[in-house]
PDB file of N, CA and C in Angstrom:
ATOM      1  N   MET A   1       0.839  -1.201   0.000  1.00  0.00           N
ATOM      2  CA  MET A   1       0.000   0.000   0.000  1.00  0.00           C
ATOM      3  C   MET A   1       0.882   1.261   0.000  1.00  0.00           C
ATOM      4  N   VAL A   2       1.870   1.269   0.898  1.00  0.00           N
ATOM      5  CA  VAL A   2       2.756   2.430   0.987  1.00  0.00           C
ATOM      6  C   VAL A   2       3.596   2.561  -0.278  1.00  0.00           C
ATOM      7  N   LEU A   3       4.096   1.405  -0.776  1.00  0.00           N
ATOM      8  CA  LEU A   3       4.923   1.436  -1.986  1.00  0.00           C
ATOM      9  C   LEU A   3       4.116   1.920  -3.181  1.00  0.00           C
ATOM     10  N   LYS A   4       2.844   1.502  -3.261  1.00  0.00           N
ATOM     11  CA  LYS A   4       2.002   1.945  -4.368  1.00  0.00           C
ATOM     12  C   LYS A   4       1.787   3.460  -4.298  1.00  0.00           C
ATOM     13  N   GLY A   5       1.546   3.955  -3.097  1.00  0.00           N
ATOM     14  CA  GLY A   5       1.375   5.394  -2.918  1.00  0.00           C
ATOM     15  C   GLY A   5       2.647   6.146  -3.280  1.00  0.00           C
ATOM     16  N   LEU A   6       3.795   5.579  -2.901  1.00  0.00           N
ATOM     17  CA  LEU A   6       5.083   6.203  -3.206  1.00  0.00           C
ATOM     18  C   LEU A   6       5.313   6.226  -4.714  1.00  0.00           C
ATOM     19  N   GLY A   7       4.942   5.142  -5.387  1.00  0.00           N
ATOM     20  CA  GLY A   7       5.079   5.083  -6.843  1.00  0.00           C
ATOM     21  C   GLY A   7       4.230   6.141  -7.526  1.00  0.00           C
ATOM     22  N   ILE A   8       2.999   6.322  -7.032  1.00  0.00           N
ATOM     23  CA  ILE A   8       2.121   7.355  -7.591  1.00  0.00           C
ATOM     24  C   ILE A   8       2.720   8.736  -7.338  1.00  0.00           C
ATOM     25  N   LEU A   9       3.270   8.924  -6.141  1.00  0.00           N
ATOM     26  CA  LEU A   9       3.875  10.211  -5.791  1.00  0.00           C
ATOM     27  C   LEU A   9       5.042  10.522  -6.717  1.00  0.00           C
ATOM     28  N   ILE A  10       5.875   9.522  -6.987  1.00  0.00           N
ATOM     29  CA  ILE A  10       7.021   9.691  -7.891  1.00  0.00           C
ATOM     30  C   ILE A  10       6.522   9.995  -9.307  1.00  0.00           C
ATOM     31  N   ASN A  11       5.460   9.297  -9.730  1.00  0.00           N
ATOM     32  CA  ASN A  11       4.879   9.539 -11.053  1.00  0.00           C
ATOM     33  C   ASN A  11       4.410  10.980 -11.182  1.00  0.00           C
ATOM     34  N   VAL A  12       3.688  11.464 -10.169  1.00  0.00           N
ATOM     35  CA  VAL A  12       3.186  12.841 -10.180  1.00  0.00           C
ATOM     36  C   VAL A  12       4.351  13.824 -10.184  1.00  0.00           C
ATOM     37  N   ASN A  13       5.385  13.502  -9.404  1.00  0.00           N
ATOM     38  CA  ASN A  13       6.559  14.375  -9.333  1.00  0.00           C
ATOM     39  C   ASN A  13       7.245  14.464 -10.694  1.00  0.00           C
ATOM     40  N   GLN A  14       7.359  13.333 -11.389  1.00  0.00           N
ATOM     41  CA  GLN A  14       7.977  13.330 -12.718  1.00  0.00           C
ATOM     42  C   GLN A  14       7.133  14.131 -13.708  1.00  0.00           C
ATOM     43  N   CYS A  15       5.817  14.002 -13.617  1.00  0.00           N
ATOM     44  CA  CYS A  15       4.927  14.773 -14.491  1.00  0.00           C
ATOM     45  C   CYS A  15       5.086  16.267 -14.218  1.00  0.00           C
ATOM     46  N   THR A  16       5.172  16.619 -12.939  1.00  0.00           N
ATOM     47  CA  THR A  16       5.335  18.026 -12.562  1.00  0.00           C
ATOM     48  C   THR A  16       6.655  18.564 -13.091  1.00  0.00           C
ATOM     49  N   ASN A  17       7.712  17.771 -12.951  1.00  0.00           N
ATOM     50  CA  ASN A  17       9.027  18.179 -13.457  1.00  0.00           C
ATOM     51  C   ASN A  17       8.983  18.373 -14.967  1.00  0.00           C
ATOM     52  N   ALA A  18       8.314  17.472 -15.671  1.00  0.00           N
ATOM     53  CA  ALA A  18       8.220  17.568 -17.126  1.00  0.00           C
ATOM     54  C   ALA A  18       7.449  18.821 -17.538  1.00  0.00           C
ATOM     55  N   LEU A  19       6.336  19.095 -16.855  1.00  0.00           N
ATOM     56  CA  LEU A  19       5.549  20.284 -17.163  1.00  0.00           C
ATOM     57  C   LEU A  19       6.354  21.553 -16.878  1.00  0.00           C
ATOM     58  N   PHE A  20       7.084  21.550 -15.764  1.00  0.00           N
ATOM     59  CA  PHE A  20       7.904  22.706 -15.401  1.00  0.00           C
ATOM     60  C   PHE A  20       8.989  22.940 -16.446  1.00  0.00           C
ATOM     61  N   PHE A  21       9.609  21.846 -16.901  1.00  0.00           N
ATOM     62  CA  PHE A  21      10.645  21.934 -17.928  1.00  0.00           C
ATOM     63  C   PHE A  21      10.064  22.497 -19.225  1.00  0.00           C
ATOM     64  N   LEU A  22       8.899  21.987 -19.639  1.00  0.00           N
ATOM     65  CA  LEU A  22       8.258  22.469 -20.859  1.00  0.00           C
ATOM     66  C   LEU A  22       7.882  23.940 -20.734  1.00  0.00           C
ATOM     67  N   PHE A  23       7.401  24.332 -19.552  1.00  0.00           N
ATOM     68  CA  PHE A  23       7.031  25.728 -19.323  1.00  0.00           C
ATOM     69  C   PHE A  23       8.255  26.630 -19.436  1.00  0.00           C
ATOM     70  N   GLN A  24       9.374  26.229 -18.833  1.00  0.00           N
ATOM     71  CA  GLN A  24      10.605  27.014 -18.920  1.00  0.00           C
ATOM     72  C   GLN A  24      11.095  27.085 -20.367  1.00  0.00           C
ATOM     73  N   TYR A  25      11.016  25.954 -21.077  1.00  0.00           N
ATOM     74  CA  TYR A  25      11.425  25.908 -22.482  1.00  0.00           C
ATOM     75  C   TYR A  25      10.587  26.890 -23.305  1.00  0.00           C
ATOM     76  N   TRP A  26       9.260  26.889 -23.077  1.00  0.00           N
ATOM     77  CA  TRP A  26       8.354  27.772 -23.800  1.00  0.00           C
ATOM     78  C   TRP A  26       8.641  29.235 -23.457  1.00  0.00           C
ATOM     79  N   GLU A  27       8.872  29.525 -22.178  1.00  0.00           N
ATOM     80  CA  GLU A  27       9.182  30.886 -21.745  1.00  0.00           C
ATOM     81  C   GLU A  27      10.478  31.381 -22.388  1.00  0.00           C
ATOM     82  N   THR A  28      11.439  30.477 -22.539  1.00  0.00           N
ATOM     83  CA  THR A  28      12.743  30.860 -23.078  1.00  0.00           C
ATOM     84  C   THR A  28      12.649  31.177 -24.571  1.00  0.00           C
ATOM     85  N   PHE A  29      11.870  30.391 -25.305  1.00  0.00           N
ATOM     86  CA  PHE A  29      11.880  30.498 -26.764  1.00  0.00           C
ATOM     87  C   PHE A  29      10.663  31.206 -27.347  1.00  0.00           C
ATOM     88  N   SER A  30       9.699  31.583 -26.502  1.00  0.00           N
ATOM     89  CA  SER A  30       8.569  32.342 -27.031  1.00  0.00           C
ATOM     90  C   SER A  30       8.984  33.802 -27.229  1.00  0.00           C
ATOM     91  N   PRO A  31       8.531  34.435 -28.280  1.00  0.00           N
ATOM     92  CA  PRO A  31       8.926  35.821 -28.564  1.00  0.00           C
ATOM     93  C   PRO A  31       8.329  36.821 -27.560  1.00  0.00           C
TER      94      PRO A  31
END
């Protein structure tokens, strides 16, 4: 149960990191 919750937490964290990276990329290269 705890491991499953931890896996979901890591998944959400990776998604957040990816979105943050994409947002920074867009901010950098948008005119």
